[in-house]
C-alpha atoms as a PDB file:
ATOM      1  CA  MET A   1     122.119 -23.268  76.584  1.00  0.00           C
ATOM      2  CA  GLN A   2     120.547 -23.425  73.127  1.00  0.00           C
ATOM      3  CA  LEU A   3     123.786 -22.415  71.407  1.00  0.00           C
ATOM      4  CA  GLN A   4     123.880 -23.682  67.796  1.00  0.00           C
ATOM      5  CA  HIS A   5     127.131 -21.961  66.751  1.00  0.00           C
ATOM      6  CA  LEU A   6     130.031 -20.311  68.576  1.00  0.00           C
ATOM      7  CA  LEU A   7     130.701 -17.202  66.498  1.00  0.00           C
ATOM      8  CA  GLY A   8     131.715 -14.761  69.220  1.00  0.00           C
ATOM      9  CA  ILE A   9     131.643 -13.924  72.909  1.00  0.00           C
ATOM     10  CA  GLU A  10     129.272 -10.991  72.477  1.00  0.00           C
ATOM     11  CA  PRO A  11     126.028 -13.071  72.296  1.00  0.00           C
ATOM     12  CA  LEU A  12     126.958 -15.245  75.293  1.00  0.00           C
ATOM     13  CA  HIS A  13     125.331 -14.752  78.692  1.00  0.00           C
ATOM     14  CA  PRO A  14     127.653 -15.031  81.736  1.00  0.00           C
ATOM     15  CA  HIS A  15     125.849 -18.279  82.687  1.00  0.00           C
ATOM     16  CA  SER A  16     126.688 -19.721  79.260  1.00  0.00           C
ATOM     17  CA  ILE A  17     130.327 -18.708  79.655  1.00  0.00           C
ATOM     18  CA  THR A  18     130.432 -20.385  83.063  1.00  0.00           C
ATOM     19  CA  ALA A  19     128.813 -23.557  81.694  1.00  0.00           C
ATOM     20  CA  ILE A  20     131.430 -23.836  78.936  1.00  0.00           C
ATOM     21  CA  LEU A  21     134.247 -23.235  81.432  1.00  0.00           C
ATOM     22  CA  ASP A  22     132.852 -25.803  83.877  1.00  0.00           C
ATOM     23  CA  LEU A  23     132.791 -28.506  81.208  1.00  0.00           C
ATOM     24  CA  ALA A  24     136.237 -27.424  79.989  1.00  0.00           C
ATOM     25  CA  ASP A  25     137.481 -27.737  83.572  1.00  0.00           C
ATOM     26  CA  TYR A  26     136.327 -31.351  83.544  1.00  0.00           C
ATOM     27  CA  TYR A  27     138.059 -32.038  80.238  1.00  0.00           C
ATOM     28  CA  ALA A  28     141.251 -30.305  81.422  1.00  0.00           C
ATOM     29  CA  ASP A  29     141.436 -32.650  84.403  1.00  0.00           C
ATOM     30  CA  GLN A  30     140.588 -35.672  82.250  1.00  0.00           C
ATOM     31  CA  ASN A  31     143.310 -34.758  79.749  1.00  0.00           C
ATOM     32  CA  ARG A  32     145.869 -34.930  82.546  1.00  0.00           C
ATOM     33  CA  THR A  33     144.981 -38.562  83.206  1.00  0.00           C
ATOM     34  CA  GLY A  34     145.751 -41.580  81.073  1.00  0.00           C
ATOM     35  CA  VAL A  35     142.133 -41.667  79.840  1.00  0.00           C
ATOM     36  CA  ARG A  36     141.907 -38.906  77.240  1.00  0.00           C
ATOM     37  CA  LYS A  37     139.421 -40.423  74.797  1.00  0.00           C
ATOM     38  CA  SER A  38     135.698 -39.729  74.818  1.00  0.00           C
ATOM     39  CA  GLU A  39     132.833 -40.818  72.583  1.00  0.00           C
ATOM     40  CA  ALA A  40     130.980 -37.478  72.792  1.00  0.00           C
ATOM     41  CA  LEU A  41     131.488 -36.839  69.053  1.00  0.00           C
ATOM     42  CA  ALA A  42     131.585 -40.459  67.885  1.00  0.00           C
ATOM     43  CA  GLY A  43     130.179 -40.685  64.368  1.00  0.00           C
ATOM     44  CA  CYS A  44     130.544 -36.928  63.793  1.00  0.00           C
ATOM     45  CA  THR A  45     132.584 -35.295  61.053  1.00  0.00           C
ATOM     46  CA  GLN A  46     134.618 -32.181  61.882  1.00  0.00           C
ATOM     47  CA  ILE A  47     136.109 -30.068  59.096  1.00  0.00           C
ATOM     48  CA  ASN A  48     138.788 -27.494  59.891  1.00  0.00           C
ATOM     49  CA  MET A  49     138.923 -24.688  57.313  1.00  0.00           C
ATOM     50  CA  PHE A  50     141.772 -22.261  57.941  1.00  0.00           C
ATOM     51  CA  PHE A  51     142.016 -19.464  55.385  1.00  0.00           C
ATOM     52  CA  GLU A  52     144.839 -18.035  57.543  1.00  0.00           C
ATOM     53  CA  ASN A  53     147.758 -20.059  58.826  1.00  0.00           C
ATOM     54  CA  SER A  54     147.649 -20.959  62.505  1.00  0.00           C
ATOM     55  CA  THR A  55     149.556 -24.027  63.561  1.00  0.00           C
ATOM     56  CA  ARG A  56     148.658 -23.647  67.241  1.00  0.00           C
ATOM     57  CA  THR A  57     144.896 -23.124  66.920  1.00  0.00           C
ATOM     58  CA  GLN A  58     144.390 -25.671  64.146  1.00  0.00           C
ATOM     59  CA  ALA A  59     146.363 -28.336  66.018  1.00  0.00           C
ATOM     60  CA  SER A  60     144.372 -27.605  69.176  1.00  0.00           C
ATOM     61  CA  PHE A  61     141.020 -28.035  67.390  1.00  0.00           C
ATOM     62  CA  GLU A  62     142.248 -31.200  65.682  1.00  0.00           C
ATOM     63  CA  ILE A  63     143.400 -32.778  68.938  1.00  0.00           C
ATOM     64  CA  ALA A  64     140.160 -31.703  70.654  1.00  0.00           C
ATOM     65  CA  GLY A  65     138.018 -33.310  67.950  1.00  0.00           C
ATOM     66  CA  LYS A  66     139.970 -36.554  67.945  1.00  0.00           C
ATOM     67  CA  ARG A  67     139.854 -36.846  71.736  1.00  0.00           C
ATOM     68  CA  LEU A  68     136.058 -36.547  71.496  1.00  0.00           C
ATOM     69  CA  GLY A  69     135.961 -39.331  68.900  1.00  0.00           C
ATOM     70  CA  ALA A  70     135.178 -37.219  65.809  1.00  0.00           C
ATOM     71  CA  ASP A  71     136.419 -37.898  62.288  1.00  0.00           C
ATOM     72  CA  VAL A  72     138.578 -34.814  61.646  1.00  0.00           C
ATOM     73  CA  MET A  73     139.532 -33.434  58.247  1.00  0.00           C
ATOM     74  CA  ASN A  74     141.798 -30.435  57.658  1.00  0.00           C
ATOM     75  CA  MET A  75     141.128 -28.573  54.408  1.00  0.00           C
ATOM     76  CA  ALA A  76     144.119 -26.780  52.873  1.00  0.00           C
ATOM     77  CA  MET A  77     142.314 -23.554  52.005  1.00  0.00           C
ATOM     78  CA  GLN A  78     145.456 -21.895  50.589  1.00  0.00           C
ATOM     79  CA  ALA A  79     145.291 -24.420  47.734  1.00  0.00           C
ATOM     80  CA  SER A  80     141.505 -24.648  47.580  1.00  0.00           C
ATOM     81  CA  SER A  81     138.923 -23.637  44.999  1.00  0.00           C
ATOM     82  CA  ILE A  82     138.672 -20.249  46.723  1.00  0.00           C
ATOM     83  CA  LYS A  83     142.009 -19.473  45.104  1.00  0.00           C
ATOM     84  CA  LYS A  84     140.489 -20.419  41.759  1.00  0.00           C
ATOM     85  CA  GLY A  85     137.674 -17.893  42.118  1.00  0.00           C
ATOM     86  CA  GLU A  86     135.012 -19.839  44.004  1.00  0.00           C
ATOM     87  CA  THR A  87     132.969 -17.654  46.350  1.00  0.00           C
ATOM     88  CA  LEU A  88     132.603 -18.304  50.049  1.00  0.00           C
ATOM     89  CA  ILE A  89     128.914 -19.107  49.554  1.00  0.00           C
ATOM     90  CA  ASP A  90     129.714 -21.659  46.830  1.00  0.00           C
ATOM     91  CA  THR A  91     132.215 -23.230  49.217  1.00  0.00           C
ATOM     92  CA  ALA A  92     129.487 -23.394  51.864  1.00  0.00           C
ATOM     93  CA  LEU A  93     127.104 -25.128  49.462  1.00  0.00           C
ATOM     94  CA  THR A  94     129.825 -27.649  48.546  1.00  0.00           C
ATOM     95  CA  LEU A  95     130.452 -28.365  52.220  1.00  0.00           C
ATOM     96  CA  ASN A  96     126.736 -28.800  52.853  1.00  0.00           C
ATOM     97  CA  ALA A  97     126.688 -31.601  50.304  1.00  0.00           C
ATOM     98  CA  MET A  98     129.318 -33.428  52.408  1.00  0.00           C
ATOM     99  CA  HIS A  99     127.040 -33.301  55.504  1.00  0.00           C
ATOM    100  CA  PRO A 100     129.619 -32.340  58.125  1.00  0.00           C
ATOM    101  CA  ASP A 101     128.554 -31.961  61.752  1.00  0.00           C
ATOM    102  CA  LEU A 102     131.111 -29.358  62.837  1.00  0.00           C
ATOM    103  CA  LEU A 103     132.867 -26.672  60.856  1.00  0.00           C
ATOM    104  CA  VAL A 104     135.840 -24.835  62.392  1.00  0.00           C
ATOM    105  CA  VAL A 105     136.712 -21.716  60.400  1.00  0.00           C
ATOM    106  CA  ARG A 106     139.465 -19.109  60.525  1.00  0.00           C
ATOM    107  CA  HIS A 107     139.180 -16.296  57.986  1.00  0.00           C
ATOM    108  CA  PRO A 108     141.009 -12.993  57.412  1.00  0.00           C
ATOM    109  CA  HIS A 109     137.770 -11.035  56.925  1.00  0.00           C
ATOM    110  CA  SER A 110     135.486 -10.000  59.777  1.00  0.00           C
ATOM    111  CA  GLY A 111     132.012 -11.489  59.382  1.00  0.00           C
ATOM    112  CA  ALA A 112     133.016 -14.258  56.969  1.00  0.00           C
ATOM    113  CA  VAL A 113     132.477 -17.002  59.554  1.00  0.00           C
ATOM    114  CA  ASP A 114     129.018 -15.634  60.394  1.00  0.00           C
ATOM    115  CA  LEU A 115     128.138 -15.691  56.688  1.00  0.00           C
ATOM    116  CA  LEU A 116     129.184 -19.345  56.431  1.00  0.00           C
ATOM    117  CA  ALA A 117     127.110 -20.203  59.502  1.00  0.00           C
ATOM    118  CA  GLN A 118     124.009 -18.823  57.752  1.00  0.00           C
ATOM    119  CA  LYS A 119     124.566 -21.083  54.734  1.00  0.00           C
ATOM    120  CA  VAL A 120     125.495 -24.466  56.220  1.00  0.00           C
ATOM    121  CA  ASN A 121     123.451 -27.069  58.067  1.00  0.00           C
ATOM    122  CA  CYS A 122     125.974 -27.790  60.807  1.00  0.00           C
ATOM    123  CA  ALA A 123     127.545 -26.214  63.896  1.00  0.00           C
ATOM    124  CA  VAL A 124     130.141 -23.544  63.132  1.00  0.00           C
ATOM    125  CA  LEU A 125     132.956 -22.459  65.443  1.00  0.00           C
ATOM    126  CA  ASN A 126     134.801 -19.222  64.836  1.00  0.00           C
ATOM    127  CA  ALA A 127     138.555 -19.807  65.091  1.00  0.00           C
ATOM    128  CA  GLY A 128     139.222 -16.118  64.404  1.00  0.00           C
ATOM    129  CA  ASP A 129     137.763 -13.750  61.804  1.00  0.00           C
ATOM    130  CA  GLY A 130     139.665 -10.614  60.833  1.00  0.00           C
ATOM    131  CA  ARG A 131     139.766  -8.095  63.665  1.00  0.00           C
ATOM    132  CA  HIS A 132     136.365  -9.207  64.904  1.00  0.00           C
ATOM    133  CA  GLU A 133     136.536 -12.069  67.425  1.00  0.00           C
ATOM    134  CA  HIS A 134     138.400 -15.182  68.550  1.00  0.00           C
ATOM    135  CA  PRO A 135     135.953 -16.672  71.065  1.00  0.00           C
ATOM    136  CA  THR A 136     137.739 -19.881  72.024  1.00  0.00           C
ATOM    137  CA  GLN A 137     140.936 -17.921  72.765  1.00  0.00           C
ATOM    138  CA  ALA A 138     139.034 -15.702  75.201  1.00  0.00           C
ATOM    139  CA  LEU A 139     137.422 -18.756  76.786  1.00  0.00           C
ATOM    140  CA  LEU A 140     140.743 -20.567  77.224  1.00  0.00           C
ATOM    141  CA  ASP A 141     142.256 -17.393  78.691  1.00  0.00           C
ATOM    142  CA  ALA A 142     139.308 -17.174  81.088  1.00  0.00           C
ATOM    143  CA  LEU A 143     139.730 -20.809  82.133  1.00  0.00           C
ATOM    144  CA  THR A 144     143.462 -20.272  82.685  1.00  0.00           C
ATOM    145  CA  ILE A 145     142.755 -17.243  84.879  1.00  0.00           C
ATOM    146  CA  ARG A 146     140.029 -19.025  86.831  1.00  0.00           C
ATOM    147  CA  ARG A 147     142.185 -22.063  87.542  1.00  0.00           C
ATOM    148  CA  SER A 148     145.152 -19.900  88.526  1.00  0.00           C
ATOM    149  CA  LYS A 149     143.301 -17.297  90.609  1.00  0.00           C
ATOM    150  CA  GLY A 150     140.437 -19.427  91.879  1.00  0.00           C
ATOM    151  CA  ARG A 151     137.869 -16.999  90.457  1.00  0.00           C
ATOM    152  CA  LEU A 152     136.947 -15.055  87.331  1.00  0.00           C
ATOM    153  CA  HIS A 153     135.411 -11.908  88.764  1.00  0.00           C
ATOM    154  CA  ARG A 154     136.545  -8.680  90.435  1.00  0.00           C
ATOM    155  CA  LEU A 155     140.100  -8.979  89.162  1.00  0.00           C
ATOM    156  CA  ASN A 156     142.267  -6.160  87.793  1.00  0.00           C
ATOM    157  CA  ILE A 157     143.402  -7.271  84.341  1.00  0.00           C
ATOM    158  CA  ALA A 158     145.765  -5.420  82.003  1.00  0.00           C
ATOM    159  CA  ILE A 159     145.653  -6.220  78.279  1.00  0.00           C
ATOM    160  CA  CYS A 160     148.839  -4.797  76.783  1.00  0.00           C
ATOM    161  CA  GLY A 161     150.192  -4.073  73.319  1.00  0.00           C
ATOM    162  CA  ASP A 162     148.588  -4.163  69.892  1.00  0.00           C
ATOM    163  CA  ILE A 163     144.942  -3.677  70.881  1.00  0.00           C
ATOM    164  CA  ALA A 164     143.926  -2.128  67.550  1.00  0.00           C
ATOM    165  CA  HIS A 165     144.632  -5.189  65.392  1.00  0.00           C
ATOM    166  CA  SER A 166     143.765  -7.894  67.924  1.00  0.00           C
ATOM    167  CA  ARG A 167     140.603  -9.986  67.817  1.00  0.00           C
ATOM    168  CA  VAL A 168     141.987 -11.692  70.936  1.00  0.00           C
ATOM    169  CA  ALA A 169     141.877  -8.359  72.774  1.00  0.00           C
ATOM    170  CA  ARG A 170     138.314  -7.698  71.633  1.00  0.00           C
ATOM    171  CA  SER A 171     136.987 -11.112  72.692  1.00  0.00           C
ATOM    172  CA  ASN A 172     138.806 -10.945  76.027  1.00  0.00           C
ATOM    173  CA  LEU A 173     137.555  -7.433  76.690  1.00  0.00           C
ATOM    174  CA  ILE A 174     133.967  -8.538  76.091  1.00  0.00           C
ATOM    175  CA  LEU A 175     134.231 -11.745  78.142  1.00  0.00           C
ATOM    176  CA  LEU A 176     136.149 -10.344  81.093  1.00  0.00           C
ATOM    177  CA  SER A 177     133.825  -7.342  81.286  1.00  0.00           C
ATOM    178  CA  LYS A 178     130.785  -9.654  81.332  1.00  0.00           C
ATOM    179  CA  MET A 179     132.367 -11.446  84.317  1.00  0.00           C
ATOM    180  CA  GLU A 180     132.692  -8.190  86.320  1.00  0.00           C
ATOM    181  CA  ASN A 181     136.421  -7.613  86.039  1.00  0.00           C
ATOM    182  CA  ARG A 182     138.183  -4.259  85.818  1.00  0.00           C
ATOM    183  CA  ILE A 183     139.993  -4.034  82.486  1.00  0.00           C
ATOM    184  CA  ARG A 184     142.923  -1.818  81.570  1.00  0.00           C
ATOM    185  CA  LEU A 185     144.188  -1.428  78.022  1.00  0.00           C
ATOM    186  CA  VAL A 186     147.864  -0.489  77.828  1.00  0.00           C
ATOM    187  CA  GLY A 187     149.724   0.513  74.672  1.00  0.00           C
ATOM    188  CA  PRO A 188     150.833   3.356  72.415  1.00  0.00           C
ATOM    189  CA  ALA A 189     148.098   5.688  71.161  1.00  0.00           C
ATOM    190  CA  THR A 190     148.650   4.371  67.616  1.00  0.00           C
ATOM    191  CA  LEU A 191     147.664   0.847  68.736  1.00  0.00           C
ATOM    192  CA  ILE A 192     144.584   1.788  70.786  1.00  0.00           C
ATOM    193  CA  PRO A 193     141.458   1.859  68.581  1.00  0.00           C
ATOM    194  CA  ALA A 194     139.149   4.862  68.569  1.00  0.00           C
ATOM    195  CA  GLY A 195     135.970   4.474  70.593  1.00  0.00           C
ATOM    196  CA  ILE A 196     137.388   1.764  72.842  1.00  0.00           C
ATOM    197  CA  ASP A 197     136.203   3.680  75.919  1.00  0.00           C
ATOM    198  CA  ALA A 198     132.670   2.544  75.018  1.00  0.00           C
ATOM    199  CA  PHE A 199     133.664  -0.900  76.339  1.00  0.00           C
ATOM    200  CA  GLY A 200     134.235   0.549  79.803  1.00  0.00           C
ATOM    201  CA  ALA A 201     137.969  -0.140  79.926  1.00  0.00           C
ATOM    202  CA  GLU A 202     140.596   2.256  81.247  1.00  0.00           C
ATOM    203  CA  VAL A 203     143.292   3.270  78.756  1.00  0.00           C
ATOM    204  CA  PHE A 204     146.939   3.781  79.697  1.00  0.00           C
ATOM    205  CA  HIS A 205     149.884   4.754  77.525  1.00  0.00           C
ATOM    206  CA  ASP A 206     152.463   4.120  80.245  1.00  0.00           C
ATOM    207  CA  MET A 207     153.221   0.481  81.135  1.00  0.00           C
ATOM    208  CA  GLU A 208     154.279   1.092  84.716  1.00  0.00           C
ATOM    209  CA  GLU A 209     151.143   3.071  85.468  1.00  0.00           C
ATOM    210  CA  GLY A 210     148.930   0.591  83.610  1.00  0.00           C
ATOM    211  CA  LEU A 211     150.347  -2.451  85.428  1.00  0.00           C
ATOM    212  CA  LYS A 212     150.105  -0.975  88.917  1.00  0.00           C
ATOM    213  CA  ASP A 213     148.505  -3.525  91.269  1.00  0.00           C
ATOM    214  CA  VAL A 214     146.981  -5.717  88.531  1.00  0.00           C
ATOM    215  CA  ASP A 215     146.250  -9.423  89.057  1.00  0.00           C
ATOM    216  CA  VAL A 216     146.720 -10.473  85.427  1.00  0.00           C
ATOM    217  CA  VAL A 217     149.081  -9.160  82.734  1.00  0.00           C
ATOM    218  CA  MET A 218     147.946 -10.256  79.276  1.00  0.00           C
ATOM    219  CA  MET A 219     150.480  -9.431  76.558  1.00  0.00           C
ATOM    220  CA  LEU A 220     149.505  -9.371  72.873  1.00  0.00           C
ATOM    221  CA  ARG A 221     151.443 -10.185  69.739  1.00  0.00           C
ATOM    222  CA  LEU A 222     152.529  -7.247  67.608  1.00  0.00           C
ATOM    223  CA  GLN A 223     150.566  -8.018  64.424  1.00  0.00           C
ATOM    224  CA  ARG A 224     152.788  -6.717  61.670  1.00  0.00           C
ATOM    225  CA  GLU A 225     150.757  -8.514  58.984  1.00  0.00           C
ATOM    226  CA  ARG A 226     147.696  -6.374  59.774  1.00  0.00           C
ATOM    227  CA  MET A 227     149.573  -3.056  59.835  1.00  0.00           C
ATOM    228  CA  ASP A 228     149.591  -0.833  56.774  1.00  0.00           C
ATOM    229  CA  GLY A 229     151.581   2.080  58.181  1.00  0.00           C
ATOM    230  CA  GLY A 230     154.090   3.230  60.759  1.00  0.00           C
ATOM    231  CA  PHE A 231     152.318   2.284  63.972  1.00  0.00           C
ATOM    232  CA  ILE A 232     155.560   2.001  65.970  1.00  0.00           C
ATOM    233  CA  PRO A 233     158.974   3.674  65.505  1.00  0.00           C
ATOM    234  CA  SER A 234     160.873   0.367  65.716  1.00  0.00           C
ATOM    235  CA  GLU A 235     160.642  -2.986  67.476  1.00  0.00           C
ATOM    236  CA  ARG A 236     163.538  -1.953  69.706  1.00  0.00           C
ATOM    237  CA  GLU A 237     161.747   1.222  70.799  1.00  0.00           C
ATOM    238  CA  TYR A 238     158.497  -0.710  71.246  1.00  0.00           C
ATOM    239  CA  TYR A 239     160.182  -3.229  73.549  1.00  0.00           C
ATOM    240  CA  HIS A 240     161.792  -0.429  75.543  1.00  0.00           C
ATOM    241  CA  ARG A 241     158.429   1.204  76.233  1.00  0.00           C
ATOM    242  CA  TYR A 242     155.897  -1.623  76.059  1.00  0.00           C
ATOM    243  CA  GLY A 243     157.755  -4.940  76.201  1.00  0.00           C
ATOM    244  CA  LEU A 244     157.187  -6.809  79.453  1.00  0.00           C
ATOM    245  CA  ASN A 245     160.303  -7.241  81.565  1.00  0.00           C
ATOM    246  CA  ALA A 246     160.992  -7.729  85.271  1.00  0.00           C
ATOM    247  CA  ALA A 247     161.126  -3.989  85.989  1.00  0.00           C
ATOM    248  CA  LYS A 248     157.699  -3.319  84.481  1.00  0.00           C
ATOM    249  CA  LEU A 249     156.185  -6.478  85.982  1.00  0.00           C
ATOM    250  CA  SER A 250     157.311  -5.387  89.463  1.00  0.00           C
ATOM    251  CA  HIS A 251     154.509  -2.790  89.411  1.00  0.00           C
ATOM    252  CA  ALA A 252     151.865  -5.538  89.243  1.00  0.00           C
ATOM    253  CA  LYS A 253     150.810  -7.525  92.303  1.00  0.00           C
ATOM    254  CA  PRO A 254     153.479  -9.969  93.561  1.00  0.00           C
ATOM    255  CA  ASP A 255     151.283 -12.915  92.566  1.00  0.00           C
ATOM    256  CA  ALA A 256     150.208 -11.502  89.196  1.00  0.00           C
ATOM    257  CA  ILE A 257     150.196 -14.008  86.357  1.00  0.00           C
ATOM    258  CA  VAL A 258     151.589 -13.359  82.868  1.00  0.00           C
ATOM    259  CA  MET A 259     149.726 -14.458  79.731  1.00  0.00           C
ATOM    260  CA  HIS A 260     150.329 -14.380  75.977  1.00  0.00           C
ATOM    261  CA  PRO A 261     148.124 -15.923  73.245  1.00  0.00           C
ATOM    262  CA  GLY A 262     151.151 -16.816  71.098  1.00  0.00           C
ATOM    263  CA  PRO A 263     153.098 -17.015  69.021  1.00  0.00           C
ATOM    264  CA  MET A 264     155.462 -14.825  71.055  1.00  0.00           C
ATOM    265  CA  ASN A 265     157.998 -12.383  69.707  1.00  0.00           C
ATOM    266  CA  ARG A 266     160.607 -12.615  72.458  1.00  0.00           C
ATOM    267  CA  GLY A 267     162.451  -9.389  72.978  1.00  0.00           C
ATOM    268  CA  VAL A 268     159.619  -7.446  71.335  1.00  0.00           C
ATOM    269  CA  GLU A 269     156.482  -8.017  73.439  1.00  0.00           C
ATOM    270  CA  ILE A 270     157.998  -9.956  76.297  1.00  0.00           C
ATOM    271  CA  ASP A 271     161.360 -10.780  77.826  1.00  0.00           C
ATOM    272  CA  GLY A 272     162.287 -14.439  77.439  1.00  0.00           C
ATOM    273  CA  GLU A 273     163.003 -14.905  81.137  1.00  0.00           C
ATOM    274  CA  ILE A 274     159.534 -13.625  82.056  1.00  0.00           C
ATOM    275  CA  ALA A 275     157.898 -15.883  79.459  1.00  0.00           C
ATOM    276  CA  ASP A 276     159.697 -18.916  80.928  1.00  0.00           C
ATOM    277  CA  ASP A 277     159.238 -18.015  84.615  1.00  0.00           C
ATOM    278  CA  LEU A 278     157.186 -20.903  85.998  1.00  0.00           C
ATOM    279  CA  ASN A 279     156.192 -18.822  89.024  1.00  0.00           C
ATOM    280  CA  ARG A 280     154.570 -16.071  86.953  1.00  0.00           C
ATOM    281  CA  SER A 281     153.985 -17.266  83.392  1.00  0.00           C
ATOM    282  CA  VAL A 282     150.900 -19.373  82.555  1.00  0.00           C
ATOM    283  CA  ILE A 283     151.538 -19.328  78.802  1.00  0.00           C
ATOM    284  CA  GLN A 284     151.942 -23.116  78.552  1.00  0.00           C
ATOM    285  CA  GLU A 285     148.782 -23.588  80.621  1.00  0.00           C
ATOM    286  CA  GLN A 286     146.952 -21.451  78.062  1.00  0.00           C
ATOM    287  CA  VAL A 287     147.948 -23.906  75.333  1.00  0.00           C
ATOM    288  CA  GLU A 288     146.797 -26.825  77.475  1.00  0.00           C
ATOM    289  CA  MET A 289     143.472 -25.163  78.346  1.00  0.00           C
ATOM    290  CA  GLY A 290     142.904 -24.474  74.642  1.00  0.00           C
ATOM    291  CA  VAL A 291     142.339 -28.162  73.946  1.00  0.00           C
ATOM    292  CA  ALA A 292     139.950 -28.505  76.906  1.00  0.00           C
ATOM    293  CA  VAL A 293     137.913 -25.413  75.980  1.00  0.00           C
ATOM    294  CA  ARG A 294     137.564 -26.513  72.367  1.00  0.00           C
ATOM    295  CA  MET A 295     136.483 -29.974  73.488  1.00  0.00           C
ATOM    296  CA  ALA A 296     133.837 -28.383  75.718  1.00  0.00           C
ATOM    297  CA  ALA A 297     132.574 -26.018  73.019  1.00  0.00           C
ATOM    298  CA  MET A 298     132.224 -28.756  70.401  1.00  0.00           C
ATOM    299  CA  ASP A 299     130.611 -31.131  72.899  1.00  0.00           C
ATOM    300  CA  ILE A 300     127.989 -28.527  73.874  1.00  0.00           C
ATOM    301  CA  LEU A 301     127.234 -27.538  70.273  1.00  0.00           C
ATOM    302  CA  MET A 302     126.684 -31.147  69.228  1.00  0.00           C
ATOM    303  CA  ARG A 303     124.465 -31.873  72.239  1.00  0.00           C
ATOM    304  CA  ASN A 304     122.346 -28.842  71.380  1.00  0.00           C
ATOM    305  CA  ARG A 305     122.033 -29.780  67.731  1.00  0.00           C
ATOM    306  CA  ARG A 306     121.087 -33.358  68.580  1.00  0.00           C
ATOM    307  CA  GLN A 307     118.471 -32.099  71.011  1.00  0.00           C
ATOM    308  CA  ALA A 308     117.096 -29.673  68.415  1.00  0.00           C
ATOM    309  CA  ALA A 309     116.901 -32.482  65.840  1.00  0.00           C
ATOM    310  CA  THR A 310     115.098 -34.743  68.321  1.00  0.00           C
ATOM    311  CA  GLU A 311     112.578 -32.014  69.170  1.00  0.00           C
ATOM    312  CA  ALA A 312     112.005 -31.305  65.461  1.00  0.00           C
ATOM    313  CA  GLN A 313     111.141 -34.966  64.852  1.00  0.00           C
ATOM    314  CA  ALA A 314     108.815 -35.200  67.862  1.00  0.00           C
END
């Protein structure tokens, strides 16, 4: 792989996805031992820039960087110069002067992370941009599925809920389709984006029909902060029709796993007992795999950049 940035799943070849997951698999096993420290990023500086709050993702990237030996700095973007009128490009130029090696960025606007990547002289990882993509979430979901099911191809996977506002859904749809899985999108018509059939997924508006005989049930958070209208009648009605409970889950395969990217709205998207069912839920494994995937992604990016620098000097 000659990957210099990780901005989305769309540019990745299936072999590249597999390579990232294989290395993440190694890190996942290593993280379960007493030896969790590596020197892969020793001497490197990692800056986390989160223009949107995300305790889970930011903590995961911070832990990943520190376990690889990087010097990690979190920038409080809510109180930054951006709030004082500085443009994103000016911020990029300021960062360039600090000579970071890795930049992890979450931004509310689609394409903002790609713009930063064009202006800085370091590796950039997209930690979520608008409704566009969230590549490391899709990769950690893929690793969780692969470790649970023993494979990541020819599975029936249902992605359920707020598809329209979810960058997680988009990245997962792209990745899982690349790996030859059959994808179903399940949700109310108001939360299914127009033109989604171009991705080759089947669309269902009935949960029981959509979950029939699936191997994986991936629930999504209802993203109220991105809604500017009446997309659902009420949370109570939404849970009645689209919240995952035992009755709806019974239509999936008996060994189907349940996923959720978090944070969960219990009693809205998912019943608490299902979320905590150790026989079906892999939600905590997703959190664990997040650290491993982010370690793998940063490791690969830095190897590639070091190799490119060596070749440029030769």
